Amino acid sequence: MRFFKNNKLLKLSILALLNMGCVQEYGLGINYPGLDENGNPIDPNNPPVVPPEVTGHNEDRSQSFNIAPSSQSQKIDLLFVIDNSGSMEDEQNNLTSAFDSFIGNFQDLSTNRDIDFQIGVISTDTSEAPLNLDNKPEWISGAYSDIINQGPGSLLYKDGNDKILKSSELSISALSQQFQENAKLLDSLKLANNDWGSSYEMAAGATIAALSNELSSWNAGLVRPDALLSIIILSDEDETLNNNGQTYVKTNATATAQRFAAFEAAVLQAKNNQRGLVRVDSVVSKTQCNQNGKQNKEGKFYMELAPMWSGTNIDICEDFTIPLDNLGGDIAIQVQSKFALAEKAVSVPSVYLNNVKLTQNVGFTFDSKNSAIQLIGDALTTIQNADAVLNVDYEVFVAD
């Protein structure tokens, strides 16, 4: 976690927290590491003893990838985490308006792209019963009354639509229509003098819940083992500490470390520790701004989270139509050109494309944190236009 490189004490604390047991926090049914048996944060000034360094040796590994530019073997699982607070109606409308150009990047004959993608939608609401239609006030009516859900982190969809929108089963026009209906959580919810929505805004917490075992049956099929998991957060607030909606995680260093760690643990569990098959991007306020008569809070937590997972940040305070289109292109290129290694490489691998050795930073880059190879330059052009074979030789550390 590079963001703690200048704080040795906190870094040691986090390493210790990740090796401790877990307890439930905030009544979400989510396990957050780093709490004692009573659910209280461990004092960073008195951390547990860090285990001694493990001894071991390096071993050679080889891995091959058969690449077909127009093959359905290229897969993306898109999870949109959408703030459903009352101030988000304009942003939800902007997202759905820009959606067609965004997904157009995944099926583009001019670039030989025919990516197998699927899409799910969750809200940032992590209250005990978010969007609970059975217990909704009588005055809630309209399209929202048809949104189906199963609590925090559950995939949301309009009655009659698919829970998971699959390019292999729906036409692009039908998929786009259903996404717009599933994602516009505040549509037709206007009261006589106000809007209705949830003020509980915890995108990371909701994602943790979405990937947890407790929702595995409801969200089954959302995460495929061989697909890139692309998580896109849309919010005009920063991550809150809990469900009171008043305090931000970033106001507490220990809570921030715990939330980052819990997010990492949930994602890696869902992806079988293949960090290179995960990407997180955010559409949040890069600075506090006033927009359409409301004040957007700076998304500090999310702007730190995205780069940890090979992602970028888009400013929600500006028209994000073109940036979202560009993001779709970046994700499509990544799934075509980035290859996650099965194990953690301890040094830069040797990379061969069609038996020709590539030079680092000319033909490929190496993402050491995520243990992934990304092809660039002429090598990228080659795999975009013809079948190819990528061979990677690397070393891994094995404990004695």
Protein backbone atom coordinates (compact mmCIF):
# COMPACT_ATOMS: atom_id res chain seq x y z
CA MET A 1 0.00 0.00 0.00
CA ARG A 2 2.12 2.88 -1.32
CA PHE A 3 0.01 5.57 0.28
CA PHE A 4 1.46 4.62 3.69
CA LYS A 5 5.12 4.53 2.67
CA ASN A 6 5.98 7.58 4.80
CA ASN A 7 4.30 6.26 7.93
CA LYS A 8 6.28 3.26 9.16
CA LEU A 9 4.22 2.74 12.33
CA LEU A 10 0.87 2.72 10.52
CA LYS A 11 2.25 0.43 7.81
CA LEU A 12 3.35 -2.10 10.44
CA SER A 13 -0.06 -1.80 12.08
CA ILE A 14 -1.85 -2.61 8.85
CA LEU A 15 0.35 -5.62 8.18
CA ALA A 16 -0.56 -6.90 11.61
CA LEU A 17 -4.26 -6.15 11.14
CA LEU A 18 -4.38 -8.21 7.98
CA ASN A 19 -3.15 -11.24 9.91
CA MET A 20 -5.76 -10.99 12.65
CA GLY A 21 -9.25 -12.35 12.95
CA CYS A 22 -12.32 -10.51 11.77
CA VAL A 23 -15.50 -9.35 13.45
CA GLN A 24 -18.66 -7.75 12.10
CA GLU A 25 -18.88 -3.98 12.07
CA TYR A 26 -21.77 -1.52 11.67
CA GLY A 27 -24.40 -4.25 11.46
CA LEU A 28 -23.69 -4.79 7.78
CA GLY A 29 -22.80 -8.45 7.98
CA ILE A 30 -19.40 -7.41 6.60
CA ASN A 31 -16.17 -8.66 8.15
CA TYR A 32 -13.63 -5.89 8.68
CA PRO A 33 -10.13 -6.96 9.74
CA GLY A 34 -8.24 -5.20 12.50
CA LEU A 35 -10.79 -5.11 15.33
CA ASP A 36 -10.54 -6.78 18.71
CA GLU A 37 -13.07 -9.30 20.01
CA ASN A 38 -15.30 -6.46 21.19
CA GLY A 39 -15.35 -4.80 17.77
CA ASN A 40 -13.13 -1.90 18.80
CA PRO A 41 -10.31 -0.64 16.53
CA ILE A 42 -6.85 -1.73 17.60
CA ASP A 43 -4.72 1.14 18.90
CA PRO A 44 -2.19 2.02 16.13
CA ASN A 45 0.22 3.17 18.87
CA ASN A 46 0.20 -0.30 20.40
CA PRO A 47 -0.01 -2.70 17.44
CA PRO A 48 0.34 -6.46 17.72
CA VAL A 49 3.76 -7.95 17.18
CA VAL A 50 4.51 -8.39 13.46
CA PRO A 51 5.41 -12.03 12.68
CA PRO A 52 9.08 -12.67 11.82
CA GLU A 53 10.14 -12.54 8.18
CA VAL A 54 9.47 -15.76 6.32
CA THR A 55 12.47 -17.52 4.78
CA GLY A 56 12.30 -19.32 1.46
CA HIS A 57 13.63 -19.57 -2.07
CA ASN A 58 12.73 -18.59 -5.63
CA GLU A 59 11.28 -21.02 -8.16
CA ASP A 60 10.79 -20.70 -11.92
CA ARG A 61 7.33 -20.48 -13.47
CA SER A 62 6.14 -20.38 -17.09
CA GLN A 63 2.73 -19.29 -18.31
CA SER A 64 1.21 -19.12 -21.81
CA PHE A 65 -1.73 -17.11 -23.16
CA ASN A 66 -3.44 -17.87 -26.48
CA ILE A 67 -4.72 -14.56 -27.81
CA ALA A 68 -7.53 -14.19 -30.36
CA PRO A 69 -8.48 -10.54 -31.03
CA SER A 70 -12.16 -11.19 -31.79
CA SER A 71 -12.58 -14.05 -29.33
CA GLN A 72 -15.28 -14.17 -26.67
CA SER A 73 -12.49 -15.32 -24.33
CA GLN A 74 -12.02 -11.63 -23.55
CA LYS A 75 -14.43 -11.01 -20.67
CA ILE A 76 -15.37 -8.05 -18.49
CA ASP A 77 -17.60 -8.05 -15.41
CA LEU A 78 -18.75 -4.48 -14.79
CA LEU A 79 -20.09 -3.51 -11.37
CA PHE A 80 -21.55 -0.01 -11.15
CA VAL A 81 -21.75 1.27 -7.56
CA ILE A 82 -24.16 4.18 -7.74
CA ASP A 83 -24.88 6.77 -5.06
CA ASN A 84 -28.67 6.81 -4.62
CA SER A 85 -28.89 9.86 -2.36
CA GLY A 86 -31.42 12.51 -3.23
CA SER A 87 -28.79 14.83 -4.73
CA MET A 88 -27.72 12.34 -7.41
CA GLU A 89 -30.56 12.51 -9.93
CA ASP A 90 -28.65 14.67 -12.43
CA GLU A 91 -25.54 12.49 -12.19
CA GLN A 92 -27.58 9.31 -12.67
CA ASN A 93 -29.16 10.87 -15.76
CA ASN A 94 -25.72 11.84 -17.07
CA LEU A 95 -24.46 8.29 -16.54
CA THR A 96 -27.31 6.68 -18.43
CA SER A 97 -27.04 9.25 -21.24
CA ALA A 98 -23.34 8.47 -21.69
CA PHE A 99 -23.78 4.72 -21.37
CA ASP A 100 -24.14 3.87 -25.07
CA SER A 101 -20.82 5.42 -26.00
CA PHE A 102 -19.20 3.75 -22.98
CA ILE A 103 -20.25 0.19 -23.90
CA GLY A 104 -19.65 0.89 -27.60
CA ASN A 105 -15.98 0.42 -26.81
CA PHE A 106 -16.52 -3.27 -26.04
CA GLN A 107 -18.01 -4.27 -29.37
CA ASP A 108 -16.22 -2.32 -32.08
CA LEU A 109 -15.65 -4.03 -35.42
CA SER A 110 -13.17 -1.36 -36.50
CA THR A 111 -10.78 -2.52 -33.77
CA ASN A 112 -11.69 -6.23 -33.86
CA ARG A 113 -13.31 -5.98 -30.45
CA ASP A 114 -16.09 -8.36 -29.54
CA ILE A 115 -15.78 -8.55 -25.78
CA ASP A 116 -18.07 -10.74 -23.68
CA PHE A 117 -19.23 -8.31 -20.98
CA GLN A 118 -21.90 -8.26 -18.32
CA ILE A 119 -23.14 -5.53 -16.00
CA GLY A 120 -24.56 -5.35 -12.49
CA VAL A 121 -25.76 -2.36 -10.46
CA ILE A 122 -25.66 -1.83 -6.70
CA SER A 123 -26.27 1.28 -4.58
CA THR A 124 -23.98 2.91 -2.03
CA ASP A 125 -26.67 2.39 0.61
CA THR A 126 -25.50 0.03 3.38
CA SER A 127 -28.27 0.61 5.90
CA GLU A 128 -30.00 -2.42 7.36
CA ALA A 129 -32.75 -2.37 4.74
CA PRO A 130 -31.82 -0.07 1.85
CA LEU A 131 -34.50 0.42 -0.75
CA ASN A 132 -36.69 -1.94 1.25
CA LEU A 133 -39.83 -2.03 -0.84
CA ASP A 134 -41.76 -4.15 1.62
CA ASN A 135 -41.37 -1.48 4.30
CA LYS A 136 -41.41 1.60 2.10
CA PRO A 137 -43.54 4.57 3.12
CA GLU A 138 -46.89 4.72 1.37
CA TRP A 139 -45.94 7.92 -0.44
CA ILE A 140 -43.16 6.22 -2.44
CA SER A 141 -44.51 5.39 -5.86
CA GLY A 142 -43.51 5.38 -9.51
CA ALA A 143 -40.71 3.48 -11.20
CA TYR A 144 -38.80 2.92 -7.98
CA SER A 145 -41.55 0.72 -6.64
CA ASP A 146 -40.46 -1.83 -9.27
CA ILE A 147 -36.80 -1.99 -8.22
CA ILE A 148 -35.97 -5.41 -6.78
CA ASN A 149 -33.27 -5.76 -4.10
CA GLN A 150 -32.06 -7.97 -1.27
CA GLY A 151 -30.41 -5.49 1.08
CA PRO A 152 -26.88 -4.00 1.26
CA GLY A 153 -24.68 -4.86 -1.70
CA SER A 154 -27.40 -6.72 -3.57
CA LEU A 155 -27.76 -6.34 -7.33
CA LEU A 156 -30.63 -4.01 -8.14
CA TYR A 157 -32.90 -4.31 -11.13
CA LYS A 158 -36.28 -3.13 -12.30
CA ASP A 159 -39.00 -5.76 -12.19
CA GLY A 160 -39.05 -7.48 -15.59
CA ASN A 161 -35.41 -6.71 -16.35
CA ASP A 162 -32.39 -9.00 -15.95
CA LYS A 163 -30.43 -8.79 -12.70
CA ILE A 164 -27.15 -9.25 -14.60
CA LEU A 165 -27.14 -7.72 -18.09
CA LYS A 166 -25.19 -9.98 -20.44
CA SER A 167 -23.94 -9.05 -23.90
CA SER A 168 -24.20 -12.72 -24.84
CA GLU A 169 -27.96 -12.73 -24.19
CA LEU A 170 -29.21 -9.21 -24.92
CA SER A 171 -28.93 -6.96 -27.94
CA ILE A 172 -26.96 -3.79 -27.29
CA SER A 173 -30.14 -1.70 -27.51
CA ALA A 174 -31.99 -3.95 -25.04
CA LEU A 175 -29.00 -4.03 -22.69
CA SER A 176 -28.73 -0.25 -22.80
CA GLN A 177 -32.45 0.21 -22.11
CA GLN A 178 -32.38 -2.15 -19.14
CA PHE A 179 -29.24 -0.53 -17.70
CA GLN A 180 -30.86 2.88 -17.86
CA GLU A 181 -33.86 1.56 -15.95
CA ASN A 182 -31.79 -0.36 -13.40
CA ALA A 183 -29.35 2.49 -12.78
CA LYS A 184 -31.77 5.42 -12.45
CA LEU A 185 -32.63 4.58 -8.87
CA LEU A 186 -34.18 7.97 -8.17
CA ASP A 187 -36.34 8.18 -11.28
CA SER A 188 -40.02 8.99 -10.67
CA LEU A 189 -39.45 9.45 -6.94
CA LYS A 190 -40.29 13.12 -6.68
CA LEU A 191 -42.50 14.20 -3.84
CA ALA A 192 -44.63 17.28 -3.93
CA ASN A 193 -41.77 19.45 -2.68
CA ASN A 194 -38.69 17.24 -2.44
CA ASP A 195 -36.82 14.18 -3.66
CA TRP A 196 -36.40 10.88 -1.85
CA GLY A 197 -33.21 8.87 -1.60
CA SER A 198 -30.77 7.32 0.84
CA SER A 199 -28.17 9.43 2.64
CA TYR A 200 -26.09 6.34 3.50
CA GLU A 201 -23.14 6.60 1.11
CA MET A 202 -20.55 3.84 1.44
CA ALA A 203 -19.46 2.65 -2.00
CA ALA A 204 -16.56 0.58 -0.67
CA GLY A 205 -18.71 -0.88 2.10
CA ALA A 206 -21.44 -1.78 -0.40
CA THR A 207 -18.88 -3.43 -2.70
CA ILE A 208 -17.56 -5.49 0.20
CA ALA A 209 -21.12 -6.61 0.91
CA ALA A 210 -21.75 -7.35 -2.77
CA LEU A 211 -18.76 -9.69 -2.91
CA SER A 212 -19.38 -11.33 0.46
CA ASN A 213 -20.47 -14.92 0.89
CA GLU A 214 -23.75 -13.83 2.41
CA LEU A 215 -24.90 -12.47 -0.94
CA SER A 216 -23.34 -15.20 -3.06
CA SER A 217 -26.70 -16.71 -4.02
CA TRP A 218 -28.39 -13.39 -4.89
CA ASN A 219 -25.35 -12.02 -6.73
CA ALA A 220 -24.30 -15.38 -8.20
CA GLY A 221 -22.77 -15.09 -11.64
CA LEU A 222 -21.66 -11.48 -11.20
CA VAL A 223 -17.96 -12.36 -10.92
CA ARG A 224 -16.53 -14.87 -13.39
CA PRO A 225 -13.12 -16.36 -12.53
CA ASP A 226 -11.50 -15.56 -15.89
CA ALA A 227 -12.98 -12.08 -16.43
CA LEU A 228 -11.66 -8.62 -15.62
CA LEU A 229 -13.71 -7.28 -12.69
CA SER A 230 -14.22 -3.57 -13.37
CA ILE A 231 -15.76 -1.65 -10.47
CA ILE A 232 -17.00 1.87 -11.26
CA ILE A 233 -18.03 4.14 -8.37
CA LEU A 234 -20.34 7.10 -9.00
CA SER A 235 -20.89 9.39 -6.01
CA ASP A 236 -21.03 13.06 -5.04
CA GLU A 237 -19.93 12.25 -1.47
CA ASP A 238 -16.90 10.56 0.07
CA GLU A 239 -16.98 7.19 1.86
CA THR A 240 -18.71 7.54 5.22
CA LEU A 241 -17.49 5.84 8.38
CA ASN A 242 -20.80 4.19 9.19
CA ASN A 243 -24.51 4.51 8.60
CA ASN A 244 -25.00 7.77 10.45
CA GLY A 245 -23.89 9.52 7.26
CA GLN A 246 -22.18 12.32 9.20
CA THR A 247 -18.53 11.24 9.49
CA TYR A 248 -16.15 10.39 6.66
CA VAL A 249 -13.72 7.47 6.81
CA LYS A 250 -10.84 9.76 5.87
CA THR A 251 -11.19 11.59 9.20
CA ASN A 252 -9.84 8.50 10.98
CA ALA A 253 -6.54 6.95 9.86
CA THR A 254 -7.24 3.60 11.52
CA ALA A 255 -10.71 3.35 9.99
CA THR A 256 -9.30 4.31 6.60
CA ALA A 257 -6.70 1.55 6.79
CA GLN A 258 -9.36 -0.95 7.86
CA ARG A 259 -11.69 -0.02 5.00
CA PHE A 260 -8.92 -0.29 2.40
CA ALA A 261 -7.87 -3.63 3.87
CA ALA A 262 -11.42 -4.96 4.00
CA PHE A 263 -12.01 -3.91 0.39
CA GLU A 264 -8.82 -5.63 -0.71
CA ALA A 265 -9.68 -8.82 1.18
CA ALA A 266 -13.20 -9.00 -0.30
CA VAL A 267 -12.06 -8.35 -3.86
CA LEU A 268 -9.15 -10.79 -3.76
CA GLN A 269 -11.38 -13.47 -2.26
CA ALA A 270 -13.89 -12.97 -5.07
CA LYS A 271 -11.12 -13.10 -7.71
CA ASN A 272 -9.14 -15.98 -6.19
CA ASN A 273 -6.22 -13.64 -5.39
CA GLN A 274 -5.78 -12.60 -9.05
CA ARG A 275 -5.20 -8.92 -8.38
CA GLY A 276 -4.36 -8.29 -12.02
CA LEU A 277 -7.97 -9.12 -12.95
CA VAL A 278 -9.39 -6.22 -10.95
CA ARG A 279 -9.78 -2.56 -11.83
CA VAL A 280 -11.47 0.24 -9.86
CA ASP A 281 -12.42 3.64 -11.29
CA SER A 282 -14.30 6.49 -9.68
CA VAL A 283 -16.53 9.30 -10.90
CA VAL A 284 -16.39 11.61 -7.91
CA SER A 285 -15.70 15.20 -6.93
CA LYS A 286 -11.99 15.88 -7.33
CA THR A 287 -12.48 19.04 -5.29
CA GLN A 288 -15.41 20.29 -3.29
CA CYS A 289 -17.72 22.05 -5.72
CA ASN A 290 -21.13 23.60 -6.01
CA GLN A 291 -23.24 22.10 -8.77
CA ASN A 292 -26.90 22.60 -9.66
CA GLY A 293 -27.57 24.23 -6.31
CA LYS A 294 -25.91 21.51 -4.21
CA GLN A 295 -22.47 21.05 -2.71
CA ASN A 296 -20.44 18.00 -3.73
CA LYS A 297 -17.90 16.70 -1.23
CA GLU A 298 -14.38 15.81 -2.32
CA GLY A 299 -14.09 12.05 -2.86
CA LYS A 300 -10.75 11.65 -1.06
CA PHE A 301 -11.15 7.98 -0.17
CA TYR A 302 -12.18 6.97 -3.69
CA MET A 303 -9.44 8.99 -5.33
CA GLU A 304 -6.90 7.00 -3.31
CA LEU A 305 -8.70 3.70 -3.89
CA ALA A 306 -8.82 3.79 -7.71
CA PRO A 307 -5.05 4.06 -8.41
CA MET A 308 -4.44 1.11 -6.05
CA TRP A 309 -6.42 -1.01 -8.51
CA SER A 310 -5.04 0.28 -11.85
CA GLY A 311 -7.89 2.77 -12.19
CA THR A 312 -8.43 6.48 -12.75
CA ASN A 313 -10.60 9.26 -11.33
CA ILE A 314 -13.15 11.26 -13.32
CA ASP A 315 -14.50 14.58 -12.01
CA ILE A 316 -18.25 14.40 -11.38
CA CYS A 317 -18.33 18.21 -11.13
CA GLU A 318 -17.80 18.44 -14.89
CA ASP A 319 -19.51 16.91 -17.90
CA PHE A 320 -18.15 13.37 -17.76
CA THR A 321 -19.61 12.08 -21.05
CA ILE A 322 -16.30 12.10 -22.94
CA PRO A 323 -14.19 10.94 -19.95
CA LEU A 324 -16.59 8.02 -19.44
CA ASP A 325 -16.32 7.12 -23.13
CA ASN A 326 -12.52 7.23 -22.81
CA LEU A 327 -12.74 5.06 -19.70
CA GLY A 328 -14.65 2.43 -21.66
CA GLY A 329 -11.87 2.45 -24.24
CA ASP A 330 -9.20 2.09 -21.54
CA ILE A 331 -11.02 -0.87 -19.98
CA ALA A 332 -11.42 -2.53 -23.38
CA ILE A 333 -7.73 -2.10 -24.18
CA GLN A 334 -6.79 -3.43 -20.74
CA VAL A 335 -8.80 -6.62 -21.15
CA GLN A 336 -7.21 -7.13 -24.57
CA SER A 337 -3.65 -6.31 -23.57
CA LYS A 338 -3.18 -6.97 -19.84
CA PHE A 339 -2.46 -10.51 -18.65
CA ALA A 340 -2.50 -11.46 -14.97
CA LEU A 341 0.08 -13.98 -13.85
CA ALA A 342 -1.14 -16.90 -11.77
CA GLU A 343 1.40 -16.20 -9.02
CA LYS A 344 3.25 -13.19 -7.65
CA ALA A 345 6.42 -12.52 -9.68
CA VAL A 346 9.38 -11.35 -7.61
CA SER A 347 11.14 -9.62 -10.52
CA VAL A 348 10.49 -8.46 -14.07
CA PRO A 349 9.51 -11.50 -16.18
CA SER A 350 10.87 -12.48 -19.58
CA VAL A 351 8.09 -11.97 -22.13
CA TYR A 352 7.82 -13.54 -25.61
CA LEU A 353 5.18 -12.80 -28.25
CA ASN A 354 5.07 -15.38 -31.02
CA ASN A 355 8.50 -16.56 -29.79
CA VAL A 356 10.03 -13.07 -30.13
CA LYS A 357 11.38 -11.63 -26.89
CA LEU A 358 9.90 -8.25 -25.98
CA THR A 359 11.76 -5.38 -24.35
CA GLN A 360 10.34 -3.84 -21.19
CA ASN A 361 8.76 -0.39 -21.72
CA VAL A 362 8.92 -0.93 -25.50
CA GLY A 363 6.84 -4.05 -26.02
CA PHE A 364 5.41 -4.48 -22.53
CA THR A 365 5.12 -2.99 -19.07
CA PHE A 366 5.15 -4.94 -15.83
CA ASP A 367 2.68 -4.11 -13.05
CA SER A 368 4.60 -5.56 -10.10
CA LYS A 369 1.90 -4.79 -7.54
CA ASN A 370 -0.75 -6.68 -9.48
CA SER A 371 1.71 -9.15 -11.06
CA ALA A 372 0.47 -8.47 -14.56
CA ILE A 373 1.97 -7.96 -18.03
CA GLN A 374 0.56 -5.25 -20.31
CA LEU A 375 1.47 -5.25 -24.00
CA ILE A 376 2.16 -1.87 -25.63
CA GLY A 377 3.41 -0.45 -28.92
CA ASP A 378 3.82 -2.83 -31.84
CA ALA A 379 3.08 -5.81 -29.60
CA LEU A 380 -0.37 -4.39 -28.82
CA THR A 381 -1.01 -3.79 -32.52
CA THR A 382 -0.05 -7.40 -33.27
CA ILE A 383 -2.57 -8.93 -30.86
CA GLN A 384 -5.32 -6.57 -31.98
CA ASN A 385 -5.08 -7.80 -35.57
CA ALA A 386 -4.11 -11.47 -35.48
CA ASP A 387 -4.05 -14.55 -33.28
CA ALA A 388 -0.91 -14.73 -31.15
CA VAL A 389 0.77 -16.66 -28.36
CA LEU A 390 2.21 -14.88 -25.32
CA ASN A 391 4.74 -16.76 -23.16
CA VAL A 392 5.94 -15.43 -19.81
CA ASP A 393 8.82 -16.82 -17.74
CA TYR A 394 9.14 -15.53 -14.18
CA GLU A 395 10.24 -16.36 -10.64
CA VAL A 396 8.07 -16.67 -7.54
CA PHE A 397 8.98 -16.83 -3.86
CA VAL A 398 8.23 -20.11 -2.10
CA ALA A 399 8.43 -20.32 1.67
CA ASP A 400 10.60 -23.08 3.15
